[in-house]
């Protein structure tokens, strides 16, 4: 038996697509068969499996389990869970890998599979290898056994381990995603006063889409913080690996700003350590890391690539603008928005200031969000390479970690190709709006020279 995947579902970091169009139960079986083959080839025998709150997740999880067991590995099902819960299960149970059925922060019609093998991300060539195996049908054969494990209480206990964060009045918005049941248990253990909204898991996401990187999705949390005069609010994406925050004044604290708050206690506990941040992050963050005696490390965007950079450098902490925050040192090295919430509360407490005061103290910079616009897959990387070639001719100051990040007296701008979509991404940061406009005009000039127009509607 062989299987062909829809090539659009084979992403850099996971397998993901619209259910019924690019992804279905047959794909889940094939993923299970291929992953089992890889696990057994490495001498492994057991895999943990979890699923998020999407309507299609139970069916895909059942198909995945059938594929894994047919491939001859035993399966430990942890049930409805966040992606970090699955990573926690893989790190602490006697298993050799793990798969989470999740559409992450995508719209409700999407679903997918995030994989981990031997405590390391399974991505890139690994994912392409599953497609090659499926096309050949050269899968391992067997009859694995299925057991279940309830890791929720142990996971929440681990989130709270050694907590010394003080008592605050906090709003929590889980957006009807898989983080809801975790947060409901967590707030029972945290001191202070807690107000949780949209904790019921509902794959239709009836209140708002669970992606805290979009400011519009934080409107309910801002309202809650304002109405109840709370200290701050925290929000999570559909599978609990991205965090968002608003301060007591309702201002959004973006992922790189959250990381800049976490940096101080991290470097106090790990003096001189490297701290990893992605290429989209504010220059203020890299400056803050250096100011506190740490070693700023710029890494490519993408949770698998961030984990790889963390392991390579031995960094205790890392993060992305998108709200993926990674904790090694005393934790397991993966991105976990729930643990990030606990660590943020602790960092605020240790600072002796409120989150609003910490936000007030940050440099006053003006930045764009991710400006994403469509460019054909066949063209997107070439266009970036052409821009880089011209920049080199001009003697521009740039970093080529992931696309081109160009530093000028006005600030910096980034041009990179998406690894997962037919898109280019631009981001820029400057000291004021006029300088930001000048940077974007510079980007547009370079793009025009390659026959590309940055459409402002697709952001």
Protein backbone atom coordinates (compact mmCIF):
# COMPACT_ATOMS: atom_id res chain seq x y z
CA UNK A 1 0.00 0.00 0.00
CA UNK A 2 1.24 3.47 -0.88
CA UNK A 3 -0.03 6.98 -0.20
CA UNK A 4 0.40 10.41 -1.79
CA UNK A 5 0.17 13.54 0.37
CA UNK A 6 -1.15 16.82 -0.95
CA UNK A 7 2.21 18.63 -1.34
CA UNK A 8 0.76 21.85 0.10
CA UNK A 9 0.27 20.08 3.45
CA UNK A 10 3.97 19.28 3.84
CA UNK A 11 5.19 22.38 5.67
CA UNK A 12 8.65 23.15 6.99
CA UNK A 13 7.72 22.66 10.65
CA UNK A 14 4.68 20.39 10.53
CA UNK A 15 2.04 18.82 8.29
CA UNK A 16 -1.00 21.08 7.99
CA UNK A 17 -3.89 21.84 5.65
CA UNK A 18 -7.63 22.29 5.18
CA UNK A 19 -9.44 19.14 6.31
CA UNK A 20 -11.33 17.47 3.49
CA UNK A 21 -9.26 19.25 0.88
CA UNK A 22 -5.55 18.87 1.67
CA UNK A 23 -5.75 16.62 4.71
CA UNK A 24 -7.89 13.74 5.97
CA UNK A 25 -7.93 10.44 7.88
CA UNK A 26 -5.99 8.59 5.15
CA UNK A 27 -3.16 11.12 5.55
CA UNK A 28 -3.26 10.62 9.33
CA UNK A 29 -2.87 6.86 8.88
CA UNK A 30 0.07 7.39 6.52
CA UNK A 31 1.72 9.82 8.95
CA UNK A 32 1.35 7.20 11.68
CA UNK A 33 2.80 4.46 9.47
CA UNK A 34 5.76 6.62 8.44
CA UNK A 35 6.49 7.94 11.92
CA UNK A 36 6.33 4.40 13.35
CA UNK A 37 8.83 3.29 10.71
CA UNK A 38 11.22 6.10 11.67
CA UNK A 39 10.82 5.42 15.39
CA UNK A 40 11.51 1.70 14.99
CA UNK A 41 14.50 2.34 12.73
CA UNK A 42 16.00 4.39 15.58
CA UNK A 43 15.35 1.59 18.08
CA UNK A 44 12.20 3.12 19.59
CA UNK A 45 8.95 1.41 20.52
CA UNK A 46 6.49 3.95 22.01
CA UNK A 47 4.89 7.23 20.89
CA UNK A 48 2.72 9.72 22.81
CA UNK A 49 -0.28 11.22 20.97
CA UNK A 50 -2.48 14.18 21.86
CA UNK A 51 -5.06 16.31 20.04
CA UNK A 52 -6.40 19.85 20.24
CA UNK A 53 -10.01 21.07 20.44
CA UNK A 54 -10.80 21.29 16.73
CA UNK A 55 -13.89 19.49 15.48
CA UNK A 56 -11.82 17.30 13.14
CA UNK A 57 -9.17 16.39 15.73
CA UNK A 58 -10.75 13.25 17.31
CA UNK A 59 -11.21 11.56 13.93
CA UNK A 60 -7.68 12.43 12.79
CA UNK A 61 -6.24 11.28 16.13
CA UNK A 62 -7.98 7.90 15.84
CA UNK A 63 -6.65 7.45 12.30
CA UNK A 64 -3.15 8.47 13.42
CA UNK A 65 -3.21 5.93 16.26
CA UNK A 66 -4.31 3.18 13.88
CA UNK A 67 -1.38 4.02 11.59
CA UNK A 68 1.12 4.04 14.42
CA UNK A 69 -0.01 0.70 15.82
CA UNK A 70 -0.11 -0.88 12.33
CA UNK A 71 3.50 0.26 12.03
CA UNK A 72 4.36 -1.69 15.14
CA UNK A 73 4.77 0.96 17.83
CA UNK A 74 2.86 1.24 21.09
CA UNK A 75 0.83 4.41 21.60
CA UNK A 76 0.21 6.37 24.78
CA UNK A 77 -2.85 8.58 24.24
CA UNK A 78 -2.99 11.70 26.41
CA UNK A 79 -6.31 12.91 24.96
CA UNK A 80 -7.42 16.52 24.58
CA UNK A 81 -4.32 18.63 25.22
CA UNK A 82 -2.21 21.60 24.24
CA UNK A 83 0.90 21.09 22.13
CA UNK A 84 3.14 21.87 25.14
CA UNK A 85 1.31 19.14 27.09
CA UNK A 86 2.23 16.68 24.36
CA UNK A 87 5.85 17.92 24.45
CA UNK A 88 5.78 17.51 28.25
CA UNK A 89 4.47 13.95 27.88
CA UNK A 90 7.23 13.17 25.38
CA UNK A 91 9.83 14.61 27.77
CA UNK A 92 8.63 12.83 30.91
CA UNK A 93 6.93 9.57 29.94
CA UNK A 94 8.85 6.52 28.74
CA UNK A 95 8.26 7.21 25.05
CA UNK A 96 10.52 7.74 22.05
CA UNK A 97 8.53 10.44 20.27
CA UNK A 98 5.24 12.29 20.15
CA UNK A 99 2.64 13.65 17.74
CA UNK A 100 0.10 16.37 18.42
CA UNK A 101 -2.96 16.65 16.18
CA UNK A 102 -3.41 20.41 15.93
CA UNK A 103 -4.27 23.22 13.54
CA UNK A 104 -2.32 25.56 15.82
CA UNK A 105 -3.48 29.17 15.26
CA UNK A 106 -5.05 28.54 11.83
CA UNK A 107 -8.79 28.99 11.06
CA UNK A 108 -11.23 26.23 12.16
CA UNK A 109 -11.21 24.34 8.85
CA UNK A 110 -7.47 23.59 9.21
CA UNK A 111 -5.78 20.82 11.11
CA UNK A 112 -2.35 19.24 11.20
CA UNK A 113 0.36 17.30 13.00
CA UNK A 114 3.31 18.56 15.05
CA UNK A 115 5.95 15.94 15.71
CA UNK A 116 8.87 15.42 18.08
CA UNK A 117 11.41 12.59 18.13
CA UNK A 118 13.88 11.91 20.96
CA UNK A 119 13.18 15.32 22.56
CA UNK A 120 14.02 17.16 19.31
CA UNK A 121 11.75 18.72 16.68
CA UNK A 122 10.87 16.53 13.70
CA UNK A 123 10.79 18.92 10.73
CA UNK A 124 12.14 19.86 7.31
CA UNK A 125 13.77 16.84 5.70
CA UNK A 126 12.13 14.58 8.32
CA UNK A 127 8.68 15.60 7.05
CA UNK A 128 9.69 15.17 3.41
CA UNK A 129 10.98 11.73 4.42
CA UNK A 130 7.49 10.73 5.58
CA UNK A 131 6.18 11.58 2.10
CA UNK A 132 8.93 9.52 0.46
CA UNK A 133 8.11 6.55 2.71
CA UNK A 134 4.40 6.89 1.93
CA UNK A 135 5.02 6.98 -1.82
CA UNK A 136 7.12 3.80 -1.61
CA UNK A 137 4.90 1.98 0.92
CA UNK A 138 8.07 0.73 2.62
CA UNK A 139 6.52 0.99 6.08
CA UNK A 140 7.30 -1.17 9.10
CA UNK A 141 4.65 -3.72 10.04
CA UNK A 142 3.40 -4.78 13.44
CA UNK A 143 0.63 -4.61 16.00
CA UNK A 144 1.27 -1.99 18.65
CA UNK A 145 -0.68 -1.68 21.86
CA UNK A 146 -2.62 1.38 23.01
CA UNK A 147 -2.70 2.77 26.55
CA UNK A 148 -3.84 6.08 27.98
CA UNK A 149 -2.17 8.52 30.36
CA UNK A 150 -3.68 11.54 32.11
CA UNK A 151 -0.86 14.09 32.28
CA UNK A 152 -2.94 17.22 32.95
CA UNK A 153 -2.47 17.34 36.73
CA UNK A 154 1.23 16.47 36.54
CA UNK A 155 1.72 19.12 33.85
CA UNK A 156 -0.06 21.84 35.83
CA UNK A 157 1.99 20.84 38.87
CA UNK A 158 5.16 21.22 36.79
CA UNK A 159 4.05 24.69 35.65
CA UNK A 160 3.76 25.70 39.30
CA UNK A 161 7.00 24.06 40.49
CA UNK A 162 8.94 26.52 42.63
CA UNK A 163 6.49 29.35 41.85
CA UNK A 164 7.36 32.57 43.62
CA UNK A 165 5.48 35.14 41.66
CA UNK A 166 3.33 37.13 44.02
CA UNK A 167 -0.42 37.73 43.82
CA UNK A 168 -1.97 39.70 40.97
CA UNK A 169 -5.40 40.38 39.49
CA UNK A 170 -5.22 38.77 36.06
CA UNK A 171 -7.56 38.19 33.12
CA UNK A 172 -7.13 35.02 31.05
CA UNK A 173 -8.52 34.45 27.53
CA UNK A 174 -8.06 30.95 26.12
CA UNK A 175 -10.19 31.66 23.02
CA UNK A 176 -12.13 28.35 23.28
CA UNK A 177 -8.87 26.55 22.47
CA UNK A 178 -7.22 23.57 24.14
CA UNK A 179 -5.56 25.75 26.81
CA UNK A 180 -8.92 26.30 28.57
CA UNK A 181 -8.91 23.23 30.87
CA UNK A 182 -5.26 23.83 31.76
CA UNK A 183 -5.83 27.47 32.70
CA UNK A 184 -8.89 26.57 34.79
CA UNK A 185 -6.73 24.23 36.87
CA UNK A 186 -3.74 26.58 36.94
CA UNK A 187 -5.63 29.58 38.33
CA UNK A 188 -6.87 27.45 41.23
CA UNK A 189 -3.23 27.11 42.31
CA UNK A 190 -2.04 30.66 41.59
CA UNK A 191 -2.40 33.29 44.32
CA UNK A 192 -4.34 36.45 43.50
CA UNK A 193 -7.62 37.05 41.68
CA UNK A 194 -8.28 35.46 38.30
CA UNK A 195 -10.93 35.99 35.66
CA UNK A 196 -11.04 33.38 32.88
CA UNK A 197 -13.04 33.87 29.69
CA UNK A 198 -13.79 31.48 26.80
CA UNK A 199 -12.36 28.45 28.63
CA UNK A 200 -14.88 26.01 27.13
CA UNK A 201 -13.18 24.07 24.33
CA UNK A 202 -15.12 24.69 21.09
CA UNK A 203 -13.61 23.99 17.69
CA UNK A 204 -15.90 26.56 16.08
CA UNK A 205 -14.15 29.33 18.08
CA UNK A 206 -17.44 31.21 18.56
CA UNK A 207 -16.03 34.27 20.37
CA UNK A 208 -12.92 35.14 18.40
CA UNK A 209 -10.14 33.35 16.60
CA UNK A 210 -7.47 32.09 19.02
CA UNK A 211 -4.40 33.86 17.69
CA UNK A 212 -3.03 36.47 20.11
CA UNK A 213 -0.62 37.86 17.51
CA UNK A 214 -3.61 39.62 15.89
CA UNK A 215 -4.53 42.63 18.03
CA UNK A 216 -8.21 42.38 17.01
CA UNK A 217 -8.37 39.01 18.80
CA UNK A 218 -7.38 40.69 22.07
CA UNK A 219 -10.40 43.03 22.18
CA UNK A 220 -12.32 40.89 24.70
CA UNK A 221 -9.29 40.59 26.96
CA UNK A 222 -8.69 44.36 26.83
CA UNK A 223 -12.33 44.92 27.76
CA UNK A 224 -12.09 42.47 30.67
CA UNK A 225 -8.93 44.16 32.03
CA UNK A 226 -10.54 47.61 31.75
CA UNK A 227 -13.94 46.66 33.24
CA UNK A 228 -12.47 44.88 36.25
CA UNK A 229 -9.44 47.16 36.60
CA UNK A 230 -7.05 44.19 36.45
CA UNK A 231 -3.26 44.31 36.63
CA UNK A 232 -2.90 42.69 33.21
CA UNK A 233 -4.32 40.06 30.87
CA UNK A 234 -2.95 36.95 29.17
CA UNK A 235 -4.17 35.21 26.00
CA UNK A 236 -3.31 31.97 24.21
CA UNK A 237 -3.59 30.47 20.76
CA UNK A 238 -5.58 27.35 19.86
CA UNK A 239 -2.95 24.83 20.92
CA UNK A 240 -1.36 26.76 23.79
CA UNK A 241 2.10 27.41 22.40
CA UNK A 242 1.70 31.17 21.67
CA UNK A 243 1.12 33.77 24.35
CA UNK A 244 -0.21 37.32 24.10
CA UNK A 245 -0.49 39.93 26.86
CA UNK A 246 -2.03 43.31 27.58
CA UNK A 247 -0.98 45.59 30.40
CA UNK A 248 -3.25 47.38 32.87
CA UNK A 249 -3.72 50.21 30.35
CA UNK A 250 -4.82 47.81 27.60
CA UNK A 251 -1.61 48.08 25.58
CA UNK A 252 -0.47 44.92 23.83
CA UNK A 253 2.82 43.46 25.07
CA UNK A 254 4.18 41.65 22.00
CA UNK A 255 6.21 38.44 22.08
CA UNK A 256 9.59 40.14 21.86
CA UNK A 257 8.57 42.57 24.62
CA UNK A 258 7.49 39.69 26.86
CA UNK A 259 10.88 38.12 26.21
CA UNK A 260 12.65 41.38 27.14
CA UNK A 261 10.91 41.21 30.55
CA UNK A 262 11.87 37.55 31.03
CA UNK A 263 15.50 38.26 30.14
CA UNK A 264 16.42 40.01 33.41
CA UNK A 265 15.66 37.13 35.84
CA UNK A 266 17.04 34.62 33.32
CA UNK A 267 20.40 36.40 33.13
CA UNK A 268 20.46 36.85 36.88
CA UNK A 269 20.20 33.06 37.19
CA UNK A 270 22.43 32.33 34.15
CA UNK A 271 24.96 35.22 34.02
CA UNK A 272 26.43 35.89 30.58
CA UNK A 273 24.23 33.27 28.91
CA UNK A 274 23.15 33.40 25.27
CA UNK A 275 19.51 34.41 24.72
CA UNK A 276 17.94 33.52 21.36
CA UNK A 277 15.40 35.71 19.52
CA UNK A 278 14.11 35.49 15.97
CA UNK A 279 15.01 37.90 13.17
CA UNK A 280 11.65 39.67 13.45
CA UNK A 281 12.34 40.79 17.03
CA UNK A 282 12.90 44.39 18.06
CA UNK A 283 16.41 45.79 18.16
CA UNK A 284 15.48 46.98 21.65
CA UNK A 285 15.37 43.31 22.74
CA UNK A 286 18.84 42.50 21.41
CA UNK A 287 20.16 45.70 23.03
CA UNK A 288 18.49 44.74 26.33
CA UNK A 289 20.11 41.30 26.31
CA UNK A 290 23.55 42.85 25.75
CA UNK A 291 22.94 45.57 28.36
CA UNK A 292 22.22 42.88 30.98
CA UNK A 293 25.43 41.03 30.15
CA UNK A 294 23.89 38.32 28.00
CA UNK A 295 24.87 37.22 24.52
CA UNK A 296 22.18 38.13 21.96
CA UNK A 297 21.70 35.39 19.35
CA UNK A 298 19.60 36.09 16.24
CA UNK A 299 17.91 32.98 14.84
CA UNK A 300 15.64 32.16 11.89
CA UNK A 301 11.89 32.37 12.45
CA UNK A 302 10.09 29.06 13.10
CA UNK A 303 9.61 27.05 16.27
CA UNK A 304 11.68 24.07 15.07
CA UNK A 305 14.55 26.33 13.98
CA UNK A 306 14.38 28.22 17.28
CA UNK A 307 14.61 24.98 19.28
CA UNK A 308 17.59 23.94 17.18
CA UNK A 309 19.33 27.29 17.87
CA UNK A 310 18.58 26.97 21.59
CA UNK A 311 20.18 23.52 21.69
CA UNK A 312 23.19 24.63 19.62
CA UNK A 313 23.97 27.64 21.84
CA UNK A 314 22.89 26.20 25.20
CA UNK A 315 20.60 29.20 25.73
CA UNK A 316 18.29 29.02 28.77
CA UNK A 317 15.67 31.24 27.09
CA UNK A 318 14.48 32.19 23.64
CA UNK A 319 11.50 33.65 21.88
CA UNK A 320 9.82 34.90 18.74
CA UNK A 321 7.80 38.00 17.94
CA UNK A 322 4.89 35.59 17.32
CA UNK A 323 4.65 34.73 21.04
CA UNK A 324 6.45 31.36 20.94
CA UNK A 325 8.65 31.44 24.05
CA UNK A 326 11.17 28.68 24.74
CA UNK A 327 12.50 27.64 28.13
CA UNK A 328 15.54 25.45 28.67
CA UNK A 329 17.68 25.64 31.80
CA UNK A 330 15.21 24.50 34.47
CA UNK A 331 12.64 23.40 31.86
CA UNK A 332 12.65 21.12 28.80
CA UNK A 333 13.62 23.44 25.92
CA UNK A 334 10.27 23.61 24.13
CA UNK A 335 7.85 26.49 23.54
CA UNK A 336 5.11 26.64 26.15
CA UNK A 337 2.73 29.59 26.46
CA UNK A 338 1.31 28.36 29.78
CA UNK A 339 4.77 28.14 31.34
CA UNK A 340 5.56 31.52 29.76
CA UNK A 341 2.55 32.97 31.61
CA UNK A 342 3.79 31.66 34.95
CA UNK A 343 7.32 32.90 34.27
CA UNK A 344 6.02 36.32 33.19
CA UNK A 345 4.06 36.71 36.44
CA UNK A 346 7.23 35.76 38.31
CA UNK A 347 9.37 38.21 36.31
CA UNK A 348 6.94 41.06 36.98
CA UNK A 349 7.02 40.22 40.70
CA UNK A 350 10.84 40.06 40.78
CA UNK A 351 11.10 43.43 39.01
CA UNK A 352 9.25 45.19 41.82
CA UNK A 353 7.23 47.07 39.22
CA UNK A 354 3.87 46.55 37.54
CA UNK A 355 3.63 45.21 34.00
CA UNK A 356 2.35 48.66 32.99
CA UNK A 357 5.48 50.29 34.45
CA UNK A 358 7.71 47.76 32.70
CA UNK A 359 5.97 48.59 29.42
CA UNK A 360 6.36 52.33 30.10
CA UNK A 361 10.13 51.83 30.51
CA UNK A 362 10.58 50.23 27.08
CA UNK A 363 12.08 52.38 24.30
CA UNK A 364 9.51 54.35 22.32
CA UNK A 365 9.84 52.79 18.88
CA UNK A 366 7.42 52.54 15.96
CA UNK A 367 7.19 49.20 14.18
CA UNK A 368 5.06 47.49 11.57
CA UNK A 369 3.38 44.17 12.24
CA UNK A 370 4.32 41.35 9.88
CA UNK A 371 3.43 42.75 6.45
CA UNK A 372 2.70 39.61 4.44
CA UNK A 373 1.90 39.65 0.73
CA UNK A 374 1.54 36.90 -1.89
CA UNK A 375 4.41 35.97 -4.19
CA UNK A 376 4.55 32.70 -6.13
CA UNK A 377 6.49 29.90 -4.45
CA UNK A 378 8.64 29.65 -7.57
CA UNK A 379 9.57 33.34 -7.27
CA UNK A 380 9.68 34.24 -3.57
CA UNK A 381 13.20 33.01 -2.66
CA UNK A 382 14.69 34.31 -5.92
CA UNK A 383 13.25 37.78 -5.28
CA UNK A 384 14.86 37.89 -1.85
CA UNK A 385 18.19 36.72 -3.29
CA UNK A 386 18.06 39.49 -5.91
CA UNK A 387 17.44 42.13 -3.24
CA UNK A 388 20.34 40.75 -1.18
CA UNK A 389 22.66 40.91 -4.20
CA UNK A 390 21.82 44.59 -4.76
CA UNK A 391 22.24 45.37 -1.06
CA UNK A 392 25.69 43.80 -1.11
CA UNK A 393 26.64 45.97 -4.09
CA UNK A 394 25.48 49.02 -2.10
CA UNK A 395 27.54 47.96 0.93
CA UNK A 396 24.47 47.75 3.17
CA UNK A 397 24.79 46.66 6.80
CA UNK A 398 22.72 43.48 6.98
CA UNK A 399 22.24 40.16 8.71
CA UNK A 400 21.41 37.14 6.52
CA UNK A 401 20.24 34.74 9.24
CA UNK A 402 16.79 34.46 7.65
CA UNK A 403 16.26 36.62 4.58
CA UNK A 404 17.81 40.09 4.83
CA UNK A 405 17.67 42.24 7.96
CA UNK A 406 19.05 45.64 7.01
CA UNK A 407 20.20 48.20 9.59
CA UNK A 408 20.23 51.91 8.70
CA UNK A 409 20.54 55.13 10.74
CA UNK A 410 16.69 55.30 10.73
CA UNK A 411 16.20 51.77 12.16
CA UNK A 412 15.98 48.38 10.46
CA UNK A 413 13.90 46.42 7.99
CA UNK A 414 13.52 42.73 7.25
CA UNK A 415 12.59 40.94 4.02
CA UNK A 416 12.16 37.17 4.15
CA UNK A 417 10.31 34.44 2.31
CA UNK A 418 7.76 32.41 4.24
CA UNK A 419 8.75 28.75 4.69
CA UNK A 420 5.12 27.67 4.82
CA UNK A 421 3.20 29.82 2.32
CA UNK A 422 3.58 31.57 -1.05
CA UNK A 423 4.31 34.83 0.73
CA UNK A 424 7.01 37.39 1.36
CA UNK A 425 7.17 39.09 4.76
CA UNK A 426 8.37 42.60 5.51
CA UNK A 427 8.86 44.06 8.96
CA UNK A 428 10.43 47.38 9.93
CA UNK A 429 11.15 49.36 13.10
CA UNK A 430 12.21 52.98 13.55
CA UNK A 431 12.34 55.82 16.06
CA UNK A 432 9.31 57.61 14.60
CA UNK A 433 6.64 57.27 11.90
CA UNK A 434 8.49 59.41 9.34
CA UNK A 435 11.58 57.22 9.66
CA UNK A 436 9.42 54.09 9.40
CA UNK A 437 7.78 55.39 6.23
CA UNK A 438 11.24 56.03 4.76
CA UNK A 439 12.32 52.46 5.56
CA UNK A 440 9.23 51.00 3.89
CA UNK A 441 9.80 53.18 0.83
CA UNK A 442 13.34 51.76 0.66
CA UNK A 443 11.96 48.21 0.81
CA UNK A 444 9.41 48.95 -1.92
CA UNK A 445 12.15 50.35 -4.18
CA UNK A 446 14.16 47.14 -3.82
CA UNK A 447 11.09 44.98 -4.43
CA UNK A 448 10.09 46.99 -7.51
CA UNK A 449 13.55 46.39 -8.98
CA UNK A 450 12.70 42.68 -8.84
CA UNK A 451 9.25 43.18 -10.32
CA UNK A 452 7.46 42.64 -6.99
CA UNK A 453 4.82 44.97 -5.54
CA UNK A 454 4.07 44.90 -1.84
CA UNK A 455 0.28 44.80 -1.61
CA UNK A 456 -0.88 46.53 1.54
CA UNK A 457 -4.19 44.64 1.82
CA UNK A 458 -2.70 41.22 2.67
CA UNK A 459 -1.17 41.82 6.07
